[in-house]
Amino acid sequence: MSISRRALAEFVGTFWLVLGGCGSAVLAAAFPHVGIGLLGVALAFGLTVLTMAYALGHVSGCHLNPAVTCGLIAGGRFKAADAVPYIAAQVFGAVVAAGLLYVIASGRAGFDLAGGLAANGYGEHSPGGYSLTSGFVTEVVMTFMFLLIILGATDERAPQGFAPIAIGLGLTLIHLISIPVTNTSVNPARSTGPALIVGGWALTQLWMFWIAPVLGAVCAGLGYRLFAGSAMDTADVVVGVTIEQTTVGVQPSRRPGGSQ
């Protein structure tokens, strides 16, 4: 696929992630009597990634997240030269989705943008009132685990075809843990979209939701290479067989005696 097609896929996928995830939080989480609550929002974020991984994984690898892109580079799964168009497309998709969500949400009588549009925050803007330190540690650890799940589930030695399910459920679990702390980012693009619409405090705190997720992702990428190695290091490599992964972040791999 050309870089323009892959970038377009990243735009569409990230648009869906922010519209589906943040939209569920803004429009449905506290809907009177039948609101989906924290569990529903967590599941919504997981479902956006799961559905896009199956729909677009074969086009772009379905990163949908600058931290994932950086982590895959650190893990040797993605070319650094393609990072800029991927990240630009991800951020643009998130901003467009946040803008559309604002248009929809503002159509309700009494809507107040001060509610945050599902923006991420710490301190007084943390849903549970958690500090900057708590938020930073949470985002680093949650993103580290998210990348570990991605790298492991998409490893050519892992069971084939199930990676989107593991990744989607992993993101759901991450949200169940960390929504009370930071409203859960683990994704700088997801944080940037709502922050640009909300402005003020959300933009002031946005730095943390870039630095912490990228740090956690890069550590996971480097760590996975150290302790998991590659398929070439294991005894179960089947000579002459080529396995082509088409899910999150994995490019076709060359095996001994095989072809791309």
Protein backbone atom coordinates (compact mmCIF):
# COMPACT_ATOMS: atom_id res chain seq x y z
CA MET A 1 0.00 0.00 0.00
CA SER A 2 1.19 3.54 -0.73
CA ILE A 3 1.88 5.78 2.24
CA SER A 4 -1.05 8.02 1.25
CA ARG A 5 -3.49 5.08 1.41
CA ARG A 6 -2.08 3.89 4.70
CA ALA A 7 -2.27 7.41 6.16
CA LEU A 8 -5.89 7.69 5.02
CA ALA A 9 -6.65 4.41 6.80
CA GLU A 10 -5.04 5.79 9.96
CA PHE A 11 -7.17 8.93 9.66
CA VAL A 12 -10.39 6.93 9.32
CA GLY A 13 -9.49 4.50 12.08
CA THR A 14 -8.53 7.19 14.59
CA PHE A 15 -11.63 9.19 13.66
CA TRP A 16 -13.73 6.14 14.57
CA LEU A 17 -11.82 5.54 17.79
CA VAL A 18 -12.40 9.08 19.08
CA LEU A 19 -15.97 9.35 17.83
CA GLY A 20 -16.89 5.94 19.22
CA GLY A 21 -14.97 6.11 22.47
CA CYS A 22 -15.32 9.76 23.44
CA GLY A 23 -18.78 9.86 21.90
CA SER A 24 -19.95 7.09 24.20
CA ALA A 25 -18.58 9.02 27.19
CA VAL A 26 -20.17 12.33 26.20
CA LEU A 27 -23.48 11.15 24.77
CA ALA A 28 -24.32 7.86 26.46
CA ALA A 29 -22.38 7.37 29.71
CA ALA A 30 -24.81 9.26 31.94
CA PHE A 31 -27.91 9.14 29.79
CA PRO A 32 -30.91 9.15 32.18
CA HIS A 33 -31.94 5.72 33.45
CA VAL A 34 -30.18 3.71 30.70
CA GLY A 35 -26.68 5.23 30.67
CA ILE A 36 -23.85 2.86 29.79
CA GLY A 37 -21.58 4.07 32.59
CA LEU A 38 -17.86 3.41 33.01
CA LEU A 39 -18.13 -0.19 31.84
CA GLY A 40 -19.90 0.83 28.66
CA VAL A 41 -17.38 3.54 27.83
CA ALA A 42 -14.49 1.15 28.40
CA LEU A 43 -16.11 -1.42 26.13
CA ALA A 44 -16.79 1.23 23.47
CA PHE A 45 -13.10 2.14 23.24
CA GLY A 46 -12.17 -1.52 22.98
CA LEU A 47 -14.76 -2.14 20.27
CA THR A 48 -13.50 0.74 18.14
CA VAL A 49 -10.01 -0.75 18.04
CA LEU A 50 -11.27 -4.29 17.51
CA THR A 51 -13.52 -3.32 14.60
CA MET A 52 -10.91 -1.14 12.90
CA ALA A 53 -8.21 -3.76 13.34
CA TYR A 54 -10.29 -6.20 11.32
CA ALA A 55 -11.43 -3.54 8.84
CA LEU A 56 -8.16 -1.67 8.24
CA GLY A 57 -5.38 -3.80 9.71
CA HIS A 58 -4.48 -5.13 6.27
CA VAL A 59 -4.17 -1.59 4.91
CA SER A 60 -2.09 0.34 7.45
CA GLY A 61 -1.53 -1.99 10.40
CA CYS A 62 -4.22 0.00 12.27
CA HIS A 63 -2.05 1.86 14.78
CA LEU A 64 -4.61 4.67 15.44
CA ASN A 65 -2.25 6.03 18.07
CA PRO A 66 1.06 7.94 17.92
CA ALA A 67 2.29 6.02 20.98
CA VAL A 68 1.62 2.71 19.21
CA THR A 69 3.51 3.93 16.15
CA CYS A 70 6.49 4.94 18.32
CA GLY A 71 6.37 1.69 20.25
CA LEU A 72 6.32 -0.38 17.07
CA ILE A 73 9.34 1.52 15.78
CA ALA A 74 11.17 0.78 19.04
CA GLY A 75 10.11 -2.84 18.73
CA GLY A 76 11.45 -3.14 15.18
CA ARG A 77 7.98 -3.62 13.67
CA PHE A 78 7.62 -0.32 11.77
CA LYS A 79 9.78 2.00 9.68
CA ALA A 80 10.67 5.29 11.35
CA ALA A 81 10.51 7.02 7.96
CA ASP A 82 6.73 6.47 7.87
CA ALA A 83 6.06 7.80 11.36
CA VAL A 84 5.35 11.44 10.48
CA PRO A 85 2.52 10.82 7.98
CA TYR A 86 1.01 8.19 10.30
CA ILE A 87 1.04 10.46 13.34
CA ALA A 88 -0.22 13.46 11.37
CA ALA A 89 -3.14 11.40 10.03
CA GLN A 90 -3.94 10.05 13.49
CA VAL A 91 -4.03 13.52 15.06
CA PHE A 92 -6.07 14.95 12.19
CA GLY A 93 -8.59 12.12 12.46
CA ALA A 94 -8.92 12.69 16.21
CA VAL A 95 -9.45 16.44 15.77
CA VAL A 96 -12.11 15.97 13.09
CA ALA A 97 -13.92 13.41 15.27
CA ALA A 98 -13.81 15.71 18.31
CA GLY A 99 -15.17 18.57 16.21
CA LEU A 100 -18.03 16.42 14.94
CA LEU A 101 -18.74 15.20 18.47
CA TYR A 102 -18.97 18.81 19.63
CA VAL A 103 -21.45 19.61 16.85
CA ILE A 104 -23.62 16.66 17.92
CA ALA A 105 -23.33 17.19 21.68
CA SER A 106 -23.98 20.93 21.53
CA GLY A 107 -27.40 20.22 20.02
CA ARG A 108 -28.70 19.24 23.45
CA ALA A 109 -30.28 21.94 25.57
CA GLY A 110 -28.03 22.83 28.49
CA PHE A 111 -24.84 21.42 26.95
CA ASP A 112 -21.75 22.93 28.56
CA LEU A 113 -18.30 22.52 26.99
CA ALA A 114 -16.84 22.94 30.48
CA GLY A 115 -17.83 19.32 30.99
CA GLY A 116 -14.69 18.47 29.06
CA LEU A 117 -15.86 16.58 25.93
CA ALA A 118 -14.17 13.48 27.44
CA ALA A 119 -10.83 15.33 27.59
CA ASN A 120 -8.04 13.80 29.66
CA GLY A 121 -6.83 15.51 32.81
CA TYR A 122 -5.15 15.26 36.19
CA GLY A 123 -5.51 17.07 39.50
CA GLU A 124 -8.82 18.91 39.64
CA HIS A 125 -9.58 17.69 36.11
CA SER A 126 -9.08 14.02 36.96
CA PRO A 127 -12.46 12.24 37.29
CA GLY A 128 -11.32 10.91 40.66
CA GLY A 129 -9.17 13.86 41.69
CA TYR A 130 -5.87 12.03 41.19
CA SER A 131 -2.57 13.94 41.15
CA LEU A 132 -0.17 14.61 38.30
CA THR A 133 2.15 11.89 39.62
CA SER A 134 -0.66 9.34 39.77
CA GLY A 135 -1.78 10.26 36.29
CA PHE A 136 1.71 10.12 34.80
CA VAL A 137 2.52 6.74 36.32
CA THR A 138 -0.86 5.36 35.25
CA GLU A 139 -0.45 6.50 31.64
CA VAL A 140 3.10 5.11 31.38
CA VAL A 141 2.18 1.72 32.83
CA MET A 142 -1.12 1.35 30.96
CA THR A 143 0.49 2.23 27.62
CA PHE A 144 3.39 -0.12 28.36
CA MET A 145 0.94 -2.96 28.90
CA PHE A 146 -1.10 -2.00 25.85
CA LEU A 147 1.98 -2.18 23.60
CA LEU A 148 3.02 -5.44 25.22
CA ILE A 149 -0.38 -6.89 24.31
CA ILE A 150 -0.10 -5.58 20.75
CA LEU A 151 3.43 -6.88 20.23
CA GLY A 152 2.65 -10.27 21.72
CA ALA A 153 -0.71 -10.77 20.03
CA THR A 154 0.69 -9.85 16.60
CA ASP A 155 3.89 -11.85 16.95
CA GLU A 156 4.10 -14.41 14.14
CA ARG A 157 4.48 -17.11 16.81
CA ALA A 158 1.12 -16.23 18.39
CA PRO A 159 -2.19 -17.87 17.38
CA GLN A 160 -3.25 -16.34 14.09
CA GLY A 161 -6.36 -14.24 13.52
CA PHE A 162 -7.13 -13.37 17.13
CA ALA A 163 -4.93 -10.31 17.64
CA PRO A 164 -7.74 -7.72 17.25
CA ILE A 165 -9.76 -9.47 19.95
CA ALA A 166 -6.88 -9.51 22.42
CA ILE A 167 -6.01 -5.90 21.66
CA GLY A 168 -9.59 -4.67 21.88
CA LEU A 169 -10.20 -6.44 25.17
CA GLY A 170 -6.85 -5.22 26.45
CA LEU A 171 -7.86 -1.62 25.75
CA THR A 172 -11.20 -2.25 27.47
CA LEU A 173 -9.42 -3.48 30.60
CA ILE A 174 -7.06 -0.50 30.53
CA HIS A 175 -10.04 1.86 30.51
CA LEU A 176 -11.72 -0.01 33.35
CA ILE A 177 -8.59 0.57 35.44
CA SER A 178 -7.70 4.12 34.53
CA ILE A 179 -10.81 6.12 33.62
CA PRO A 180 -11.10 7.33 37.25
CA VAL A 181 -7.48 8.52 37.20
CA THR A 182 -7.06 10.41 33.90
CA ASN A 183 -10.16 9.57 31.86
CA THR A 184 -7.73 7.22 30.10
CA SER A 185 -5.56 8.40 27.27
CA VAL A 186 -2.80 5.89 26.36
CA ASN A 187 -3.15 7.69 23.02
CA PRO A 188 -1.83 11.22 22.35
CA ALA A 189 -4.09 11.70 19.32
CA ARG A 190 -7.20 10.76 21.32
CA SER A 191 -6.17 13.36 23.92
CA THR A 192 -5.35 16.07 21.38
CA GLY A 193 -8.71 16.06 19.60
CA PRO A 194 -10.92 16.93 22.59
CA ALA A 195 -8.22 19.21 24.09
CA LEU A 196 -8.19 21.44 21.00
CA ILE A 197 -11.97 21.82 21.19
CA VAL A 198 -12.11 22.39 24.95
CA GLY A 199 -9.03 24.64 25.10
CA GLY A 200 -7.88 26.21 28.39
CA TRP A 201 -6.98 23.62 31.02
CA ALA A 202 -7.18 20.72 28.56
CA LEU A 203 -4.47 22.24 26.37
CA THR A 204 -2.38 23.16 29.41
CA GLN A 205 -2.37 19.54 30.60
CA LEU A 206 -2.02 17.96 27.14
CA TRP A 207 1.78 17.65 27.40
CA MET A 208 1.45 14.82 29.89
CA PHE A 209 -0.76 12.81 27.56
CA TRP A 210 1.93 12.90 24.91
CA ILE A 211 5.02 12.27 27.02
CA ALA A 212 3.69 9.51 29.29
CA PRO A 213 2.08 7.28 26.62
CA VAL A 214 5.04 7.60 24.23
CA LEU A 215 7.46 6.80 27.05
CA GLY A 216 5.48 3.72 28.06
CA ALA A 217 5.16 2.54 24.47
CA VAL A 218 8.86 2.92 23.64
CA CYS A 219 9.82 1.06 26.81
CA ALA A 220 7.47 -1.76 25.84
CA GLY A 221 8.89 -1.94 22.32
CA LEU A 222 12.45 -2.15 23.56
CA GLY A 223 11.53 -4.51 26.38
CA TYR A 224 9.65 -6.94 24.14
CA ARG A 225 12.64 -7.24 21.82
CA LEU A 226 14.86 -8.04 24.80
CA PHE A 227 12.80 -10.73 26.49
CA ALA A 228 10.76 -12.19 23.64
CA GLY A 229 13.31 -12.03 20.84
CA SER A 230 12.06 -12.96 17.40
CA ALA A 231 10.74 -16.07 15.75
CA MET A 232 14.21 -16.72 14.42
CA ASP A 233 15.40 -17.26 18.00
CA THR A 234 12.97 -20.09 18.73
CA ALA A 235 13.04 -23.79 17.96
CA ASP A 236 9.57 -23.82 16.44
CA VAL A 237 10.44 -21.93 13.27
CA VAL A 238 9.12 -23.86 10.31
CA VAL A 239 11.57 -23.57 7.43
CA GLY A 240 10.00 -22.65 4.11
CA VAL A 241 6.75 -21.31 5.58
CA THR A 242 5.82 -17.65 5.25
CA ILE A 243 3.30 -16.25 7.71
CA GLU A 244 1.71 -12.93 6.75
CA GLN A 245 0.15 -10.91 9.56
CA THR A 246 -2.43 -8.33 8.59
CA THR A 247 -3.36 -6.97 11.98
CA VAL A 248 -2.27 -4.13 14.19
CA GLY A 249 1.18 -2.86 13.40
CA VAL A 250 2.66 -5.92 11.75
CA GLN A 251 4.10 -5.98 8.26
CA PRO A 252 4.56 -9.17 6.20
CA SER A 253 7.66 -10.97 7.43
CA ARG A 254 10.30 -12.93 5.54
CA ARG A 255 10.95 -16.43 6.83
CA PRO A 256 13.85 -18.74 5.91
CA GLY A 257 13.27 -20.20 2.45
CA GLY A 258 10.04 -18.29 2.02
CA SER A 259 9.03 -15.08 0.28
CA GLN A 260 7.37 -11.83 1.21
